Each structure stands twice: as C-alpha cells, then as structure tokens.
Amino acid sequence: MRIVLVGPPGAGKGTQAAFLAKNLSIPHISTGDLFRANISQGTPLGRQAQEFMRAGQLVPDEVTIGMAIDRMSQPDAAKGFLLDGFPRNLAQAKALDEYLHGADLRLNAVLDLEAPEAEVVRRIAGRRICRNDSSHVFHVTGRPPKTAGVCDECGGELYQREDDSEETVRKRLEVYHSETEPITDFYKAQDLVVTIPALGKVGEVTQRAMDALADRSG
C-alpha cells in the first residue's frame, strides 16, 4: 500500500506512522529521517539542505522532493510506503502525483488524523522532557511525574521545550492550516482522503486506521 499521513501537529502522526508501517510491512518515510540520512551520508541533496539550514533558511521544495523520490525508489519501498511529513504543501503534493504517474503507481489512501485544536494545544503545551534523557517524556495532566519538575526515571530536571509553548503551538497550527491543509482538499478531489478521529488510546486509533485501509487495499 502507498499511503500519505496528514494531520495537525500533536495529532500523533509519528506514533501512528510507526505502528501502521509495522502492521502493513512497508517502510515509514518521514521528512525528518530523510533530512538526517541525507545529511549524515553527505549526499548532494543532503549538502544542499545543510547549506540552507545553516543559513537559517527553509529547505526548498525541490530538495525535499528529490530526497523523497530517491527514498521511494529504493527496493524496500517497491511494494509500498507510508509518507509522514511529505508532501507538506501543494507543490510537493503535485510533484508526488507526477512521480507516481510516471512510475505507473498510485496512492491507496490519504489518512487524515483529526484532532480538535484545543486537544492539540493541550497535548503539546503540557509535554515535559527530561534534560538528562529526551526519551523520558511526561505530561502535566496525561502522565504527570510523581514530583513536579522531576523525572521519575533518573531524577533529572523536566522542562518545556521552546517549540512546545502554547504560543509556538498555535503558530505551528496557523502554518498547518495555511500550507498543509490545502493538501487535504487536493486529495479529496481524487477521492483518496479517509478521516480518522485521533482521540483515544494509541491502539484504538491504529485500529480505526487499519479498518479504513482494509477497504482501500485493492
């Protein structure tokens, strides 16, 4: 299956992408992983991306598109893939369509993880990370530490990342609505969008997505 995963920040895309890719036995292709892999391997596209990033500029669409197409062309993606974070805007969506058409391939579905804005803000703004180990993650209401501000695992200080502040989250949502949300309309016109409520336990959301994909596997 070839799937695009979309949804606002805080909807749980990364978590669901990992579970879905494993259940479907297809590679999970995320923009973040693409950038890290190309930069660490010193590929021409990675070097271009790094130059823009060092200058504090956004990486141009053509560089991101090039990385994504290269990854989708790898042998492990021959039977399908799950795209997470790509396409991020309409130009990238059209480039993906062009690539798939040229390769005589098609998308099976675009999964749209739906979460109320208030819930997105609550999820992200309440997150607290351990300074000693970023894998130790807590939440002021969802998973509070036994002692406020102290990591249960190692006793390290818990802090709120700058990207997780309520003001920053709301700005990220504005960007999502203006740049990424139009992708949903683009794919709705192709009858590819399946809306998945993202509230509830992780396993419940995964099962909703798997049930929806069962009708799209042809």
C-alpha atoms as a PDB file:
ATOM      1  CA  MET A   1       0.000   0.000   0.000  1.00  0.00           C
ATOM      2  CA  ARG A   2       1.049   3.571  -0.675  1.00  0.00           C
ATOM      3  CA  ILE A   3      -0.221   5.953   1.986  1.00  0.00           C
ATOM      4  CA  VAL A   4       0.160   9.608   2.887  1.00  0.00           C
ATOM      5  CA  LEU A   5      -0.423  10.542   6.527  1.00  0.00           C
ATOM      6  CA  VAL A   6      -1.591  14.084   7.299  1.00  0.00           C
ATOM      7  CA  GLY A   7      -2.904  15.906  10.337  1.00  0.00           C
ATOM      8  CA  PRO A   8      -2.095  18.839  12.617  1.00  0.00           C
ATOM      9  CA  PRO A   9       0.925  18.850  14.930  1.00  0.00           C
ATOM     10  CA  GLY A  10       0.077  16.921  18.066  1.00  0.00           C
ATOM     11  CA  ALA A  11      -2.352  14.549  16.336  1.00  0.00           C
ATOM     12  CA  GLY A  12       0.043  11.627  16.837  1.00  0.00           C
ATOM     13  CA  LYS A  13       1.281  11.195  13.257  1.00  0.00           C
ATOM     14  CA  GLY A  14       4.724   9.895  14.193  1.00  0.00           C
ATOM     15  CA  THR A  15       3.342   7.340  16.628  1.00  0.00           C
ATOM     16  CA  GLN A  16       0.643   6.127  14.265  1.00  0.00           C
ATOM     17  CA  ALA A  17       3.020   6.060  11.302  1.00  0.00           C
ATOM     18  CA  ALA A  18       5.367   3.691  13.127  1.00  0.00           C
ATOM     19  CA  PHE A  19       2.559   1.306  14.124  1.00  0.00           C
ATOM     20  CA  LEU A  20       0.869   1.361  10.724  1.00  0.00           C
ATOM     21  CA  ALA A  21       4.102   0.820   8.799  1.00  0.00           C
ATOM     22  CA  LYS A  22       4.927  -2.163  11.004  1.00  0.00           C
ATOM     23  CA  ASN A  23       1.437  -3.660  10.661  1.00  0.00           C
ATOM     24  CA  LEU A  24       1.498  -3.197   6.878  1.00  0.00           C
ATOM     25  CA  SER A  25       5.150  -4.258   6.441  1.00  0.00           C
ATOM     26  CA  ILE A  26       6.045  -1.116   4.488  1.00  0.00           C
ATOM     27  CA  PRO A  27       8.737   1.497   5.191  1.00  0.00           C
ATOM     28  CA  HIS A  28       7.848   4.582   7.207  1.00  0.00           C
ATOM     29  CA  ILE A  29       9.299   7.530   5.278  1.00  0.00           C
ATOM     30  CA  SER A  30       9.405  10.707   7.347  1.00  0.00           C
ATOM     31  CA  THR A  31      10.788  14.067   6.270  1.00  0.00           C
ATOM     32  CA  GLY A  32      12.925  14.291   9.402  1.00  0.00           C
ATOM     33  CA  ASP A  33      14.534  10.910   8.727  1.00  0.00           C
ATOM     34  CA  LEU A  34      15.129  11.864   5.084  1.00  0.00           C
ATOM     35  CA  PHE A  35      16.973  15.024   6.084  1.00  0.00           C
ATOM     36  CA  ARG A  36      19.053  13.298   8.761  1.00  0.00           C
ATOM     37  CA  ALA A  37      20.001  10.389   6.486  1.00  0.00           C
ATOM     38  CA  ASN A  38      20.999  12.579   3.537  1.00  0.00           C
ATOM     39  CA  ILE A  39      22.975  14.998   5.706  1.00  0.00           C
ATOM     40  CA  SER A  40      24.780  12.245   7.635  1.00  0.00           C
ATOM     41  CA  GLN A  41      25.616  10.387   4.396  1.00  0.00           C
ATOM     42  CA  GLY A  42      26.827  13.575   2.733  1.00  0.00           C
ATOM     43  CA  THR A  43      24.658  13.144  -0.363  1.00  0.00           C
ATOM     44  CA  PRO A  44      24.459  16.054  -2.841  1.00  0.00           C
ATOM     45  CA  LEU A  45      20.883  16.728  -1.699  1.00  0.00           C
ATOM     46  CA  GLY A  46      21.957  16.491   1.936  1.00  0.00           C
ATOM     47  CA  ARG A  47      24.734  19.032   1.394  1.00  0.00           C
ATOM     48  CA  GLN A  48      22.283  21.397  -0.294  1.00  0.00           C
ATOM     49  CA  ALA A  49      19.798  21.043   2.565  1.00  0.00           C
ATOM     50  CA  GLN A  50      22.502  21.645   5.154  1.00  0.00           C
ATOM     51  CA  GLU A  51      23.588  24.870   3.461  1.00  0.00           C
ATOM     52  CA  PHE A  52      20.065  26.277   3.670  1.00  0.00           C
ATOM     53  CA  MET A  53      19.604  25.084   7.250  1.00  0.00           C
ATOM     54  CA  ARG A  54      22.904  26.626   8.381  1.00  0.00           C
ATOM     55  CA  ALA A  55      21.779  29.911   6.839  1.00  0.00           C
ATOM     56  CA  GLY A  56      18.544  29.699   8.820  1.00  0.00           C
ATOM     57  CA  GLN A  57      16.506  29.290   5.640  1.00  0.00           C
ATOM     58  CA  LEU A  58      13.806  26.817   4.691  1.00  0.00           C
ATOM     59  CA  VAL A  59      14.956  23.934   2.527  1.00  0.00           C
ATOM     60  CA  PRO A  60      13.476  24.485  -0.988  1.00  0.00           C
ATOM     61  CA  ASP A  61      10.743  22.160  -2.205  1.00  0.00           C
ATOM     62  CA  GLU A  62      12.898  20.745  -4.995  1.00  0.00           C
ATOM     63  CA  VAL A  63      15.475  19.463  -2.492  1.00  0.00           C
ATOM     64  CA  THR A  64      12.851  17.857  -0.267  1.00  0.00           C
ATOM     65  CA  ILE A  65      11.080  16.381  -3.301  1.00  0.00           C
ATOM     66  CA  GLY A  66      14.358  14.973  -4.591  1.00  0.00           C
ATOM     67  CA  MET A  67      15.069  13.253  -1.280  1.00  0.00           C
ATOM     68  CA  ALA A  68      11.559  11.795  -1.104  1.00  0.00           C
ATOM     69  CA  ILE A  69      11.621  10.464  -4.671  1.00  0.00           C
ATOM     70  CA  ASP A  70      15.041   8.906  -4.120  1.00  0.00           C
ATOM     71  CA  ARG A  71      13.775   7.146  -0.976  1.00  0.00           C
ATOM     72  CA  MET A  72      10.565   5.933  -2.632  1.00  0.00           C
ATOM     73  CA  SER A  73      12.694   4.471  -5.424  1.00  0.00           C
ATOM     74  CA  GLN A  74      14.594   2.162  -3.032  1.00  0.00           C
ATOM     75  CA  PRO A  75      13.922  -1.623  -3.250  1.00  0.00           C
ATOM     76  CA  ASP A  76      12.247  -1.848   0.175  1.00  0.00           C
ATOM     77  CA  ALA A  77       9.571   0.621  -0.992  1.00  0.00           C
ATOM     78  CA  ALA A  78       8.701  -1.331  -4.151  1.00  0.00           C
ATOM     79  CA  LYS A  79       5.573  -2.801  -2.571  1.00  0.00           C
ATOM     80  CA  GLY A  80       4.514   0.360  -0.776  1.00  0.00           C
ATOM     81  CA  PHE A  81       5.396   3.057   1.730  1.00  0.00           C
ATOM     82  CA  LEU A  82       3.898   5.373   4.301  1.00  0.00           C
ATOM     83  CA  LEU A  83       4.763   9.056   3.883  1.00  0.00           C
ATOM     84  CA  ASP A  84       4.846  11.150   7.067  1.00  0.00           C
ATOM     85  CA  GLY A  85       5.555  14.879   6.716  1.00  0.00           C
ATOM     86  CA  PHE A  86       5.682  14.719   2.926  1.00  0.00           C
ATOM     87  CA  PRO A  87       4.037  16.223   0.989  1.00  0.00           C
ATOM     88  CA  ARG A  88       3.926  19.301   3.212  1.00  0.00           C
ATOM     89  CA  ASN A  89       2.397  21.719   0.704  1.00  0.00           C
ATOM     90  CA  LEU A  90       0.523  21.739  -2.587  1.00  0.00           C
ATOM     91  CA  ALA A  91       3.660  21.972  -4.732  1.00  0.00           C
ATOM     92  CA  GLN A  92       5.066  18.854  -3.094  1.00  0.00           C
ATOM     93  CA  ALA A  93       1.732  17.023  -3.472  1.00  0.00           C
ATOM     94  CA  LYS A  94       1.662  17.781  -7.200  1.00  0.00           C
ATOM     95  CA  ALA A  95       5.293  16.631  -7.548  1.00  0.00           C
ATOM     96  CA  LEU A  96       4.420  13.377  -5.777  1.00  0.00           C
ATOM     97  CA  ASP A  97       1.485  12.851  -8.144  1.00  0.00           C
ATOM     98  CA  GLU A  98       3.755  13.438 -11.126  1.00  0.00           C
ATOM     99  CA  TYR A  99       6.328  10.943  -9.836  1.00  0.00           C
ATOM    100  CA  LEU A 100       3.720   8.262  -9.141  1.00  0.00           C
ATOM    101  CA  HIS A 101       2.047   8.766 -12.524  1.00  0.00           C
ATOM    102  CA  GLY A 102       5.402   8.470 -14.278  1.00  0.00           C
ATOM    103  CA  ALA A 103       6.146   5.245 -12.411  1.00  0.00           C
ATOM    104  CA  ASP A 104       2.647   3.890 -13.152  1.00  0.00           C
ATOM    105  CA  LEU A 105       1.850   3.833  -9.443  1.00  0.00           C
ATOM    106  CA  ARG A 106      -0.930   5.342  -7.339  1.00  0.00           C
ATOM    107  CA  LEU A 107      -1.761   6.180  -3.755  1.00  0.00           C
ATOM    108  CA  ASN A 108      -4.198   3.904  -1.953  1.00  0.00           C
ATOM    109  CA  ALA A 109      -5.231   6.436   0.685  1.00  0.00           C
ATOM    110  CA  VAL A 110      -4.501   9.709   2.434  1.00  0.00           C
ATOM    111  CA  LEU A 111      -5.141   9.239   6.144  1.00  0.00           C
ATOM    112  CA  ASP A 112      -6.185  12.487   7.798  1.00  0.00           C
ATOM    113  CA  LEU A 113      -5.729  12.298  11.569  1.00  0.00           C
ATOM    114  CA  GLU A 114      -8.339  14.626  13.017  1.00  0.00           C
ATOM    115  CA  ALA A 115      -7.904  16.218  16.439  1.00  0.00           C
ATOM    116  CA  PRO A 116      -9.613  19.327  17.899  1.00  0.00           C
ATOM    117  CA  GLU A 117      -7.316  22.351  18.143  1.00  0.00           C
ATOM    118  CA  ALA A 118      -7.834  22.614  21.898  1.00  0.00           C
ATOM    119  CA  GLU A 119      -6.695  18.992  22.301  1.00  0.00           C
ATOM    120  CA  VAL A 120      -3.638  19.568  20.124  1.00  0.00           C
ATOM    121  CA  VAL A 121      -2.607  22.554  22.254  1.00  0.00           C
ATOM    122  CA  ARG A 122      -3.233  20.575  25.462  1.00  0.00           C
ATOM    123  CA  ARG A 123      -1.151  17.638  24.270  1.00  0.00           C
ATOM    124  CA  ILE A 124       1.865  19.618  23.146  1.00  0.00           C
ATOM    125  CA  ALA A 125       1.907  22.502  25.625  1.00  0.00           C
ATOM    126  CA  GLY A 126       1.611  20.058  28.535  1.00  0.00           C
ATOM    127  CA  ARG A 127       4.610  17.994  27.456  1.00  0.00           C
ATOM    128  CA  ARG A 128       7.699  17.991  29.692  1.00  0.00           C
ATOM    129  CA  ILE A 129      11.070  16.493  28.692  1.00  0.00           C
ATOM    130  CA  CYS A 130      13.926  15.287  30.905  1.00  0.00           C
ATOM    131  CA  ARG A 131      17.122  17.297  30.432  1.00  0.00           C
ATOM    132  CA  ASN A 132      19.218  14.161  31.045  1.00  0.00           C
ATOM    133  CA  ASP A 133      17.392  11.913  28.563  1.00  0.00           C
ATOM    134  CA  SER A 134      14.949  13.248  25.968  1.00  0.00           C
ATOM    135  CA  SER A 135      13.292   9.816  25.716  1.00  0.00           C
ATOM    136  CA  HIS A 136      11.854  10.406  29.196  1.00  0.00           C
ATOM    137  CA  VAL A 137       8.676  12.313  28.358  1.00  0.00           C
ATOM    138  CA  PHE A 138       5.925  13.328  30.773  1.00  0.00           C
ATOM    139  CA  HIS A 139       2.738  15.380  30.583  1.00  0.00           C
ATOM    140  CA  VAL A 140       1.355  17.727  33.206  1.00  0.00           C
ATOM    141  CA  THR A 141      -2.066  16.038  33.075  1.00  0.00           C
ATOM    142  CA  GLY A 142      -1.698  12.928  30.894  1.00  0.00           C
ATOM    143  CA  ARG A 143       1.384  11.462  32.555  1.00  0.00           C
ATOM    144  CA  PRO A 144       2.448  13.686  35.438  1.00  0.00           C
ATOM    145  CA  PRO A 145       5.707  12.902  37.269  1.00  0.00           C
ATOM    146  CA  LYS A 146       5.493  11.804  40.909  1.00  0.00           C
ATOM    147  CA  THR A 147       7.301  15.004  41.875  1.00  0.00           C
ATOM    148  CA  ALA A 148       6.591  18.154  39.876  1.00  0.00           C
ATOM    149  CA  GLY A 149       9.517  19.075  37.630  1.00  0.00           C
ATOM    150  CA  VAL A 150      11.489  15.896  38.398  1.00  0.00           C
ATOM    151  CA  CYS A 151      11.944  12.884  36.098  1.00  0.00           C
ATOM    152  CA  ASP A 152      10.658   9.628  37.601  1.00  0.00           C
ATOM    153  CA  GLU A 153      13.300   7.648  35.696  1.00  0.00           C
ATOM    154  CA  CYS A 154      16.544   9.409  36.619  1.00  0.00           C
ATOM    155  CA  GLY A 155      15.729  12.408  38.801  1.00  0.00           C
ATOM    156  CA  GLY A 156      16.666  14.866  36.082  1.00  0.00           C
ATOM    157  CA  GLU A 157      15.021  18.247  35.624  1.00  0.00           C
ATOM    158  CA  LEU A 158      11.893  18.318  33.480  1.00  0.00           C
ATOM    159  CA  TYR A 159      11.439  21.280  31.170  1.00  0.00           C
ATOM    160  CA  GLN A 160       9.162  22.552  28.412  1.00  0.00           C
ATOM    161  CA  ARG A 161      10.840  22.837  25.029  1.00  0.00           C
ATOM    162  CA  GLU A 162      10.507  26.213  23.336  1.00  0.00           C
ATOM    163  CA  ASP A 163       8.702  24.530  20.429  1.00  0.00           C
ATOM    164  CA  ASP A 164       6.118  23.196  22.880  1.00  0.00           C
ATOM    165  CA  SER A 165       4.978  26.530  24.319  1.00  0.00           C
ATOM    166  CA  GLU A 166       1.323  27.351  23.717  1.00  0.00           C
ATOM    167  CA  GLU A 167       2.224  30.419  21.635  1.00  0.00           C
ATOM    168  CA  THR A 168       4.529  28.373  19.383  1.00  0.00           C
ATOM    169  CA  VAL A 169       1.996  25.567  19.048  1.00  0.00           C
ATOM    170  CA  ARG A 170      -0.684  28.000  17.896  1.00  0.00           C
ATOM    171  CA  LYS A 171       1.741  29.469  15.325  1.00  0.00           C
ATOM    172  CA  ARG A 172       2.522  25.949  14.069  1.00  0.00           C
ATOM    173  CA  LEU A 173      -1.207  25.348  13.709  1.00  0.00           C
ATOM    174  CA  GLU A 174      -1.564  28.538  11.667  1.00  0.00           C
ATOM    175  CA  VAL A 175       1.170  27.307   9.317  1.00  0.00           C
ATOM    176  CA  TYR A 176      -0.539  23.929   9.081  1.00  0.00           C
ATOM    177  CA  HIS A 177      -3.887  25.496   8.189  1.00  0.00           C
ATOM    178  CA  SER A 178      -2.388  27.777   5.545  1.00  0.00           C
ATOM    179  CA  GLU A 179       0.179  25.471   3.918  1.00  0.00           C
ATOM    180  CA  THR A 180      -0.597  21.832   4.666  1.00  0.00           C
ATOM    181  CA  GLU A 181      -4.385  21.748   4.982  1.00  0.00           C
ATOM    182  CA  PRO A 182      -4.900  22.551   1.254  1.00  0.00           C
ATOM    183  CA  ILE A 183      -3.299  19.161   0.522  1.00  0.00           C
ATOM    184  CA  THR A 184      -6.384  17.532   2.011  1.00  0.00           C
ATOM    185  CA  ASP A 185      -8.636  19.344  -0.470  1.00  0.00           C
ATOM    186  CA  PHE A 186      -6.272  18.349  -3.304  1.00  0.00           C
ATOM    187  CA  TYR A 187      -6.600  14.673  -2.386  1.00  0.00           C
ATOM    188  CA  LYS A 188     -10.312  14.883  -1.622  1.00  0.00           C
ATOM    189  CA  ALA A 189     -10.799  15.754  -5.281  1.00  0.00           C
ATOM    190  CA  GLN A 190      -9.162  12.380  -6.040  1.00  0.00           C
ATOM    191  CA  ASP A 191     -11.372  10.564  -3.513  1.00  0.00           C
ATOM    192  CA  LEU A 192      -8.326   9.480  -1.501  1.00  0.00           C
ATOM    193  CA  VAL A 193      -8.933  11.076   1.902  1.00  0.00           C
ATOM    194  CA  VAL A 194     -10.015   8.958   4.850  1.00  0.00           C
ATOM    195  CA  THR A 195     -10.578  10.906   8.083  1.00  0.00           C
ATOM    196  CA  ILE A 196      -9.508   9.112  11.253  1.00  0.00           C
ATOM    197  CA  PRO A 197     -10.502  10.526  14.677  1.00  0.00           C
ATOM    198  CA  ALA A 198      -7.204  10.788  16.569  1.00  0.00           C
ATOM    199  CA  LEU A 199      -8.682  10.919  20.073  1.00  0.00           C
ATOM    200  CA  GLY A 200      -8.450   7.861  22.297  1.00  0.00           C
ATOM    201  CA  LYS A 201      -5.773   5.279  23.055  1.00  0.00           C
ATOM    202  CA  VAL A 202      -2.989   4.762  20.528  1.00  0.00           C
ATOM    203  CA  GLY A 203      -4.121   1.209  19.744  1.00  0.00           C
ATOM    204  CA  GLU A 204      -7.686   2.353  19.165  1.00  0.00           C
ATOM    205  CA  VAL A 205      -6.596   4.983  16.647  1.00  0.00           C
ATOM    206  CA  THR A 206      -4.343   2.462  14.888  1.00  0.00           C
ATOM    207  CA  GLN A 207      -7.231   0.001  14.600  1.00  0.00           C
ATOM    208  CA  ARG A 208      -9.504   2.678  13.124  1.00  0.00           C
ATOM    209  CA  ALA A 209      -6.858   3.391  10.503  1.00  0.00           C
ATOM    210  CA  MET A 210      -6.298  -0.298   9.726  1.00  0.00           C
ATOM    211  CA  ASP A 211     -10.047  -0.847   9.351  1.00  0.00           C
ATOM    212  CA  ALA A 212     -10.287   2.103   6.966  1.00  0.00           C
ATOM    213  CA  LEU A 213      -7.307   0.884   4.934  1.00  0.00           C
ATOM    214  CA  ALA A 214      -8.828  -2.574   4.546  1.00  0.00           C
ATOM    215  CA  ASP A 215     -11.313  -1.039   2.092  1.00  0.00           C
ATOM    216  CA  ARG A 216      -8.513   0.647   0.152  1.00  0.00           C
ATOM    217  CA  SER A 217      -6.129  -2.233  -0.396  1.00  0.00           C
ATOM    218  CA  GLY A 218      -7.274  -3.022  -3.910  1.00  0.00           C
END
